[in-house]
N, C-alpha and C. Protein backbone atom coordinates (compact mmCIF):
# COMPACT_ATOMS: atom_id res chain seq x y z
N MET A 1 -149.14 -93.63 -35.10
CA MET A 1 -149.33 -94.01 -33.72
C MET A 1 -148.27 -95.06 -33.38
N GLU A 2 -147.67 -94.93 -32.20
CA GLU A 2 -146.68 -95.88 -31.71
C GLU A 2 -147.09 -96.38 -30.33
N ASN A 3 -146.73 -97.63 -30.03
CA ASN A 3 -147.08 -98.22 -28.74
C ASN A 3 -145.89 -98.87 -28.07
N ALA A 4 -145.87 -98.79 -26.76
CA ALA A 4 -144.96 -99.56 -25.92
C ALA A 4 -145.85 -100.33 -24.95
N TYR A 5 -145.34 -101.46 -24.46
CA TYR A 5 -146.16 -102.32 -23.59
C TYR A 5 -145.36 -102.75 -22.37
N ILE A 6 -146.03 -102.80 -21.24
CA ILE A 6 -145.46 -103.35 -20.02
C ILE A 6 -146.32 -104.55 -19.66
N TYR A 7 -145.70 -105.73 -19.65
CA TYR A 7 -146.41 -106.97 -19.36
C TYR A 7 -146.18 -107.33 -17.89
N LEU A 8 -147.29 -107.56 -17.19
CA LEU A 8 -147.24 -107.85 -15.75
C LEU A 8 -147.89 -109.19 -15.47
N ASP A 9 -147.44 -109.84 -14.41
CA ASP A 9 -148.03 -111.13 -14.02
C ASP A 9 -149.28 -110.95 -13.18
N GLU A 10 -149.49 -109.75 -12.66
CA GLU A 10 -150.66 -109.47 -11.82
C GLU A 10 -151.43 -108.30 -12.40
N ALA A 11 -152.73 -108.33 -12.23
CA ALA A 11 -153.57 -107.23 -12.70
C ALA A 11 -153.34 -105.99 -11.84
N VAL A 12 -153.37 -104.83 -12.47
CA VAL A 12 -153.29 -103.55 -11.77
C VAL A 12 -154.42 -102.66 -12.27
N HIS A 13 -154.81 -101.75 -11.46
CA HIS A 13 -155.84 -100.77 -11.81
C HIS A 13 -155.14 -99.51 -12.34
N PRO A 14 -155.76 -98.79 -13.24
CA PRO A 14 -155.15 -97.54 -13.72
C PRO A 14 -154.77 -96.58 -12.60
N ASP A 15 -155.48 -96.62 -11.47
CA ASP A 15 -155.12 -95.75 -10.34
C ASP A 15 -153.73 -96.06 -9.80
N VAL A 16 -153.30 -97.31 -9.91
CA VAL A 16 -151.96 -97.69 -9.49
C VAL A 16 -150.93 -97.00 -10.38
N ILE A 17 -151.20 -96.97 -11.67
CA ILE A 17 -150.29 -96.31 -12.62
C ILE A 17 -150.26 -94.81 -12.35
N LYS A 18 -151.42 -94.23 -12.09
CA LYS A 18 -151.47 -92.80 -11.78
C LYS A 18 -150.67 -92.48 -10.52
N LYS A 19 -150.77 -93.35 -9.51
CA LYS A 19 -149.99 -93.15 -8.28
C LYS A 19 -148.50 -93.23 -8.58
N LEU A 20 -148.09 -94.18 -9.41
CA LEU A 20 -146.68 -94.28 -9.77
C LEU A 20 -146.20 -93.01 -10.49
N LEU A 21 -147.05 -92.44 -11.32
CA LEU A 21 -146.69 -91.20 -12.01
C LEU A 21 -146.57 -90.04 -11.02
N ARG A 22 -147.45 -89.99 -10.03
CA ARG A 22 -147.34 -88.95 -8.99
C ARG A 22 -146.07 -89.17 -8.16
N ASP A 23 -145.74 -90.43 -7.88
CA ASP A 23 -144.50 -90.75 -7.16
C ASP A 23 -143.28 -90.30 -7.96
N TYR A 24 -143.33 -90.49 -9.27
CA TYR A 24 -142.25 -90.06 -10.15
C TYR A 24 -142.07 -88.54 -10.05
N LYS A 25 -143.18 -87.82 -10.09
CA LYS A 25 -143.11 -86.35 -9.98
C LYS A 25 -142.54 -85.94 -8.62
N THR A 26 -142.95 -86.62 -7.56
CA THR A 26 -142.43 -86.32 -6.22
C THR A 26 -140.92 -86.59 -6.15
N ALA A 27 -140.50 -87.73 -6.70
CA ALA A 27 -139.07 -88.08 -6.67
C ALA A 27 -138.24 -87.07 -7.45
N THR A 28 -138.74 -86.64 -8.60
CA THR A 28 -137.98 -85.67 -9.39
C THR A 28 -138.00 -84.29 -8.71
N ALA A 29 -139.06 -83.98 -7.97
CA ALA A 29 -139.10 -82.72 -7.22
C ALA A 29 -138.03 -82.72 -6.14
N LYS A 30 -137.84 -83.85 -5.47
CA LYS A 30 -136.80 -83.95 -4.44
C LYS A 30 -135.41 -83.81 -5.04
N THR A 31 -135.23 -84.39 -6.21
CA THR A 31 -133.95 -84.23 -6.92
C THR A 31 -133.74 -82.76 -7.25
N GLY A 32 -134.80 -82.11 -7.71
CA GLY A 32 -134.73 -80.70 -8.04
C GLY A 32 -134.39 -79.83 -6.83
N GLU A 33 -134.95 -80.17 -5.66
CA GLU A 33 -134.62 -79.42 -4.44
C GLU A 33 -133.14 -79.51 -4.15
N GLN A 34 -132.57 -80.69 -4.31
CA GLN A 34 -131.15 -80.87 -4.05
C GLN A 34 -130.31 -80.07 -5.05
N LEU A 35 -130.81 -79.94 -6.27
CA LEU A 35 -130.09 -79.20 -7.31
C LEU A 35 -130.46 -77.72 -7.34
N ARG A 36 -131.45 -77.35 -6.50
CA ARG A 36 -131.98 -75.98 -6.50
C ARG A 36 -132.51 -75.60 -7.89
N TRP A 37 -133.30 -76.52 -8.45
CA TRP A 37 -133.86 -76.34 -9.77
C TRP A 37 -135.22 -77.02 -9.81
N ALA A 38 -136.18 -76.46 -10.50
CA ALA A 38 -137.53 -77.03 -10.57
C ALA A 38 -137.54 -78.20 -11.55
N TYR A 39 -136.79 -79.24 -11.20
CA TYR A 39 -136.62 -80.39 -12.08
C TYR A 39 -137.93 -81.14 -12.31
N ASP A 40 -138.82 -81.16 -11.31
CA ASP A 40 -140.07 -81.89 -11.47
C ASP A 40 -140.89 -81.36 -12.64
N GLU A 41 -140.84 -80.06 -12.87
CA GLU A 41 -141.59 -79.48 -13.99
C GLU A 41 -140.99 -79.91 -15.34
N ALA A 42 -139.69 -80.08 -15.38
CA ALA A 42 -139.03 -80.53 -16.61
C ALA A 42 -139.17 -82.04 -16.78
N ALA A 43 -139.13 -82.78 -15.67
CA ALA A 43 -139.19 -84.24 -15.73
C ALA A 43 -140.59 -84.77 -16.00
N PHE A 44 -141.60 -84.07 -15.52
CA PHE A 44 -142.99 -84.51 -15.73
C PHE A 44 -143.84 -83.31 -16.12
N PRO A 45 -143.73 -82.90 -17.38
CA PRO A 45 -144.46 -81.71 -17.84
C PRO A 45 -145.87 -82.03 -18.34
N TYR A 46 -146.63 -82.76 -17.52
CA TYR A 46 -147.97 -83.21 -17.91
C TYR A 46 -148.95 -83.07 -16.76
N THR A 47 -150.22 -83.03 -17.12
CA THR A 47 -151.30 -83.24 -16.16
C THR A 47 -151.88 -84.61 -16.47
N ILE A 48 -152.41 -85.25 -15.45
CA ILE A 48 -153.06 -86.55 -15.61
C ILE A 48 -154.55 -86.28 -15.75
N GLU A 49 -155.12 -86.69 -16.88
CA GLU A 49 -156.54 -86.41 -17.16
C GLU A 49 -157.29 -87.70 -17.45
N ASP A 50 -158.38 -87.89 -16.73
CA ASP A 50 -159.26 -89.02 -17.02
C ASP A 50 -160.09 -88.70 -18.25
N SER A 51 -160.58 -89.74 -18.87
CA SER A 51 -161.44 -89.58 -20.04
C SER A 51 -162.75 -90.31 -19.79
N PRO A 52 -163.89 -89.65 -20.02
CA PRO A 52 -165.17 -90.35 -19.84
C PRO A 52 -165.26 -91.59 -20.73
N GLN A 53 -164.65 -91.54 -21.92
CA GLN A 53 -164.67 -92.69 -22.81
C GLN A 53 -163.74 -93.80 -22.32
N GLY A 54 -162.79 -93.45 -21.46
CA GLY A 54 -161.82 -94.42 -20.98
C GLY A 54 -162.40 -95.47 -20.06
N GLU A 55 -163.59 -95.21 -19.52
CA GLU A 55 -164.29 -96.16 -18.66
C GLU A 55 -163.36 -96.80 -17.64
N ASP A 56 -162.53 -95.98 -17.01
CA ASP A 56 -161.64 -96.45 -15.95
C ASP A 56 -160.60 -97.46 -16.46
N ARG A 57 -160.30 -97.40 -17.76
CA ARG A 57 -159.28 -98.27 -18.34
C ARG A 57 -158.11 -97.49 -18.91
N TRP A 58 -158.34 -96.24 -19.33
CA TRP A 58 -157.25 -95.45 -19.88
C TRP A 58 -157.40 -93.98 -19.52
N PHE A 59 -156.28 -93.28 -19.62
CA PHE A 59 -156.24 -91.86 -19.29
C PHE A 59 -155.17 -91.18 -20.13
N TYR A 60 -155.16 -89.85 -20.09
CA TYR A 60 -154.21 -89.04 -20.85
C TYR A 60 -153.17 -88.43 -19.94
N LEU A 61 -151.99 -88.23 -20.50
CA LEU A 61 -151.03 -87.29 -19.94
C LEU A 61 -151.02 -86.13 -20.92
N ARG A 62 -151.50 -84.97 -20.49
CA ARG A 62 -151.64 -83.80 -21.35
C ARG A 62 -150.47 -82.87 -21.09
N GLY A 63 -149.76 -82.49 -22.16
CA GLY A 63 -148.58 -81.63 -22.04
C GLY A 63 -148.91 -80.25 -21.51
N LEU A 64 -148.00 -79.72 -20.69
CA LEU A 64 -148.16 -78.39 -20.13
C LEU A 64 -147.38 -77.33 -20.92
N HIS A 65 -146.51 -77.79 -21.80
CA HIS A 65 -145.66 -76.88 -22.55
C HIS A 65 -145.79 -77.19 -24.04
N GLU A 66 -145.37 -76.27 -24.84
CA GLU A 66 -145.44 -76.39 -26.29
C GLU A 66 -144.68 -77.62 -26.82
N ARG A 67 -143.63 -78.01 -26.13
CA ARG A 67 -142.79 -79.12 -26.58
C ARG A 67 -143.47 -80.48 -26.37
N TYR A 68 -144.51 -80.52 -25.54
CA TYR A 68 -145.19 -81.76 -25.20
C TYR A 68 -146.66 -81.65 -25.55
N ASN A 69 -147.24 -82.74 -26.03
CA ASN A 69 -148.64 -82.71 -26.39
C ASN A 69 -149.45 -83.74 -25.61
N VAL A 70 -149.28 -85.03 -25.91
CA VAL A 70 -150.13 -86.03 -25.26
C VAL A 70 -149.49 -87.42 -25.30
N ILE A 71 -149.75 -88.16 -24.24
CA ILE A 71 -149.43 -89.58 -24.13
C ILE A 71 -150.70 -90.24 -23.59
N VAL A 72 -151.05 -91.40 -24.12
CA VAL A 72 -152.23 -92.13 -23.64
C VAL A 72 -151.74 -93.40 -22.95
N ILE A 73 -152.29 -93.68 -21.77
CA ILE A 73 -151.92 -94.89 -21.03
C ILE A 73 -153.19 -95.70 -20.76
N ALA A 74 -153.15 -96.97 -21.16
CA ALA A 74 -154.28 -97.87 -20.97
C ALA A 74 -153.83 -99.10 -20.21
N VAL A 75 -154.75 -99.66 -19.42
CA VAL A 75 -154.48 -100.88 -18.66
C VAL A 75 -155.51 -101.92 -19.06
N GLU A 76 -155.02 -103.08 -19.48
CA GLU A 76 -155.90 -104.16 -19.91
C GLU A 76 -155.56 -105.42 -19.12
N SER A 77 -156.53 -105.93 -18.39
CA SER A 77 -156.33 -107.18 -17.66
C SER A 77 -156.58 -108.34 -18.60
N GLY A 78 -155.77 -109.39 -18.43
CA GLY A 78 -155.89 -110.56 -19.28
C GLY A 78 -157.10 -111.40 -18.92
N LYS A 79 -157.63 -112.08 -19.91
CA LYS A 79 -158.76 -112.98 -19.69
C LYS A 79 -158.45 -114.30 -20.36
N SER A 80 -158.83 -115.34 -19.70
CA SER A 80 -158.63 -116.67 -20.28
C SER A 80 -159.72 -116.90 -21.32
N PRO A 81 -159.60 -117.96 -22.13
CA PRO A 81 -160.62 -118.21 -23.17
C PRO A 81 -162.04 -118.34 -22.64
N ASN A 82 -162.21 -118.78 -21.40
CA ASN A 82 -163.57 -118.92 -20.86
C ASN A 82 -164.09 -117.60 -20.26
N GLY A 83 -163.29 -116.53 -20.40
CA GLY A 83 -163.73 -115.22 -19.94
C GLY A 83 -163.31 -114.86 -18.53
N ALA A 84 -162.71 -115.79 -17.81
CA ALA A 84 -162.25 -115.51 -16.45
C ALA A 84 -160.96 -114.70 -16.50
N VAL A 85 -160.80 -113.79 -15.56
CA VAL A 85 -159.57 -113.00 -15.48
C VAL A 85 -158.45 -113.92 -15.03
N ASP A 86 -157.34 -113.92 -15.76
CA ASP A 86 -156.24 -114.82 -15.43
C ASP A 86 -155.14 -114.17 -14.61
N GLY A 87 -155.30 -112.91 -14.24
CA GLY A 87 -154.33 -112.26 -13.38
C GLY A 87 -153.25 -111.49 -14.12
N ARG A 88 -153.03 -111.81 -15.39
CA ARG A 88 -152.03 -111.07 -16.15
C ARG A 88 -152.58 -109.70 -16.55
N CYS A 89 -151.65 -108.82 -16.92
CA CYS A 89 -152.05 -107.46 -17.22
C CYS A 89 -151.07 -106.86 -18.23
N CYS A 90 -151.56 -105.94 -19.01
CA CYS A 90 -150.71 -105.21 -19.95
C CYS A 90 -151.01 -103.72 -19.80
N VAL A 91 -149.94 -102.95 -19.62
CA VAL A 91 -150.06 -101.49 -19.61
C VAL A 91 -149.57 -101.04 -20.98
N GLN A 92 -150.43 -100.36 -21.72
CA GLN A 92 -150.08 -99.89 -23.06
C GLN A 92 -149.87 -98.39 -23.02
N ILE A 93 -148.71 -97.94 -23.50
CA ILE A 93 -148.40 -96.53 -23.57
C ILE A 93 -148.42 -96.16 -25.05
N THR A 94 -149.30 -95.24 -25.41
CA THR A 94 -149.52 -94.90 -26.81
C THR A 94 -149.11 -93.46 -27.08
N LEU A 95 -148.38 -93.28 -28.17
CA LEU A 95 -148.07 -91.96 -28.69
C LEU A 95 -148.96 -91.75 -29.91
N PRO A 96 -150.01 -90.92 -29.78
CA PRO A 96 -150.88 -90.66 -30.93
C PRO A 96 -150.09 -89.94 -32.04
N ASN A 97 -150.67 -89.82 -33.19
CA ASN A 97 -150.01 -89.19 -34.33
C ASN A 97 -149.59 -87.75 -34.03
N ASP A 98 -150.31 -87.06 -33.13
CA ASP A 98 -149.96 -85.68 -32.83
C ASP A 98 -148.99 -85.55 -31.66
N ALA A 99 -148.43 -86.67 -31.19
CA ALA A 99 -147.41 -86.62 -30.13
C ALA A 99 -146.12 -86.04 -30.71
N THR A 100 -145.34 -85.42 -29.84
CA THR A 100 -144.09 -84.78 -30.27
C THR A 100 -142.90 -85.67 -29.94
N GLN A 101 -141.72 -85.29 -30.42
CA GLN A 101 -140.49 -86.00 -30.05
C GLN A 101 -140.26 -85.89 -28.55
N GLY A 102 -140.64 -84.77 -27.96
CA GLY A 102 -140.54 -84.61 -26.51
C GLY A 102 -141.41 -85.64 -25.79
N ASP A 103 -142.62 -85.87 -26.31
CA ASP A 103 -143.50 -86.88 -25.73
C ASP A 103 -142.85 -88.27 -25.80
N LYS A 104 -142.22 -88.57 -26.92
CA LYS A 104 -141.61 -89.89 -27.08
C LYS A 104 -140.48 -90.09 -26.08
N GLY A 105 -139.66 -89.07 -25.88
CA GLY A 105 -138.58 -89.16 -24.90
C GLY A 105 -139.11 -89.37 -23.50
N LYS A 106 -140.12 -88.60 -23.14
CA LYS A 106 -140.72 -88.73 -21.80
C LYS A 106 -141.42 -90.07 -21.65
N ALA A 107 -142.10 -90.52 -22.70
CA ALA A 107 -142.79 -91.81 -22.63
C ALA A 107 -141.79 -92.93 -22.39
N ASN A 108 -140.64 -92.89 -23.03
CA ASN A 108 -139.61 -93.90 -22.79
C ASN A 108 -139.16 -93.89 -21.33
N GLU A 109 -138.93 -92.71 -20.78
CA GLU A 109 -138.52 -92.59 -19.37
C GLU A 109 -139.60 -93.15 -18.45
N LEU A 110 -140.85 -92.77 -18.70
CA LEU A 110 -141.95 -93.21 -17.85
C LEU A 110 -142.19 -94.71 -17.96
N CYS A 111 -142.05 -95.27 -19.16
CA CYS A 111 -142.19 -96.72 -19.33
C CYS A 111 -141.18 -97.46 -18.45
N LYS A 112 -139.95 -97.00 -18.48
CA LYS A 112 -138.89 -97.64 -17.69
C LYS A 112 -139.18 -97.52 -16.20
N TRP A 113 -139.66 -96.36 -15.77
CA TRP A 113 -139.99 -96.13 -14.36
C TRP A 113 -141.11 -97.07 -13.92
N ILE A 114 -142.19 -97.11 -14.68
CA ILE A 114 -143.35 -97.94 -14.32
C ILE A 114 -142.97 -99.42 -14.35
N ALA A 115 -142.31 -99.85 -15.41
CA ALA A 115 -141.91 -101.26 -15.51
C ALA A 115 -140.99 -101.65 -14.37
N GLY A 116 -140.08 -100.78 -13.99
CA GLY A 116 -139.18 -101.06 -12.89
C GLY A 116 -139.90 -101.19 -11.56
N ARG A 117 -140.85 -100.31 -11.31
CA ARG A 117 -141.58 -100.34 -10.04
C ARG A 117 -142.51 -101.54 -9.95
N LEU A 118 -143.04 -101.99 -11.09
CA LEU A 118 -143.98 -103.11 -11.09
C LEU A 118 -143.33 -104.43 -11.49
N HIS A 119 -142.02 -104.40 -11.73
CA HIS A 119 -141.26 -105.60 -12.12
C HIS A 119 -141.85 -106.24 -13.37
N GLY A 120 -142.19 -105.38 -14.34
CA GLY A 120 -142.78 -105.87 -15.57
C GLY A 120 -141.79 -105.99 -16.70
N LYS A 121 -142.14 -106.76 -17.71
CA LYS A 121 -141.35 -106.88 -18.93
C LYS A 121 -141.79 -105.75 -19.85
N LEU A 122 -140.83 -104.98 -20.33
CA LEU A 122 -141.12 -103.78 -21.12
C LEU A 122 -140.76 -104.01 -22.58
N GLN A 123 -141.74 -103.76 -23.46
CA GLN A 123 -141.47 -103.73 -24.90
C GLN A 123 -141.51 -102.27 -25.31
N LEU A 124 -140.34 -101.73 -25.64
CA LEU A 124 -140.23 -100.32 -26.00
C LEU A 124 -140.87 -100.02 -27.36
N PHE A 125 -140.96 -98.75 -27.69
CA PHE A 125 -141.57 -98.33 -28.95
C PHE A 125 -140.86 -98.92 -30.17
N ASN A 126 -139.56 -99.17 -30.05
CA ASN A 126 -138.79 -99.73 -31.16
C ASN A 126 -138.86 -101.26 -31.21
N GLY A 127 -139.65 -101.86 -30.31
CA GLY A 127 -139.82 -103.31 -30.29
C GLY A 127 -138.83 -104.04 -29.39
N ARG A 128 -137.81 -103.35 -28.92
CA ARG A 128 -136.82 -103.98 -28.05
C ARG A 128 -137.46 -104.38 -26.73
N ILE A 129 -137.09 -105.53 -26.20
CA ILE A 129 -137.65 -106.05 -24.95
C ILE A 129 -136.65 -105.85 -23.83
N MET A 130 -137.12 -105.29 -22.73
CA MET A 130 -136.32 -105.16 -21.51
C MET A 130 -136.95 -106.08 -20.47
N PRO A 131 -136.22 -107.09 -20.00
CA PRO A 131 -136.80 -108.02 -19.02
C PRO A 131 -137.04 -107.32 -17.68
N PRO A 132 -137.88 -107.94 -16.83
CA PRO A 132 -138.13 -107.36 -15.52
C PRO A 132 -136.82 -107.26 -14.72
N ILE A 133 -136.74 -106.22 -13.91
CA ILE A 133 -135.58 -106.01 -13.05
C ILE A 133 -135.91 -106.55 -11.68
N ASP A 134 -135.10 -107.44 -11.18
CA ASP A 134 -135.27 -107.97 -9.82
C ASP A 134 -134.50 -107.08 -8.87
N GLU A 135 -135.15 -106.65 -7.82
CA GLU A 135 -134.49 -105.80 -6.83
C GLU A 135 -133.98 -106.63 -5.68
């Protein structure tokens, strides 16, 4: 199992991450239209699936093709020692043991997309840190 992390200064709900993923698919579809190619299917070959066990904290990206299997995305809000939410947040992107090399490549792309849109600090699967990008 491998993990990448996006550290945010503000809490986000998993629905925000799901919306960003749908925005990514829309953006790649527009690129595909310009290229006259179904690029969105190649760029985001997953369905977004909720999990009853996820309790509104994590969800799956389930592969649509043989080359892709699964990516798990979880959102954890920070809590101070007294139990109060401190506003910080961590988005964890997990490649389970049955994830493919295709999943890892896509997970890296999606991590960069999400971190860029949320201005978060990204720790990639290899441990390298990418600071937030200011627009």
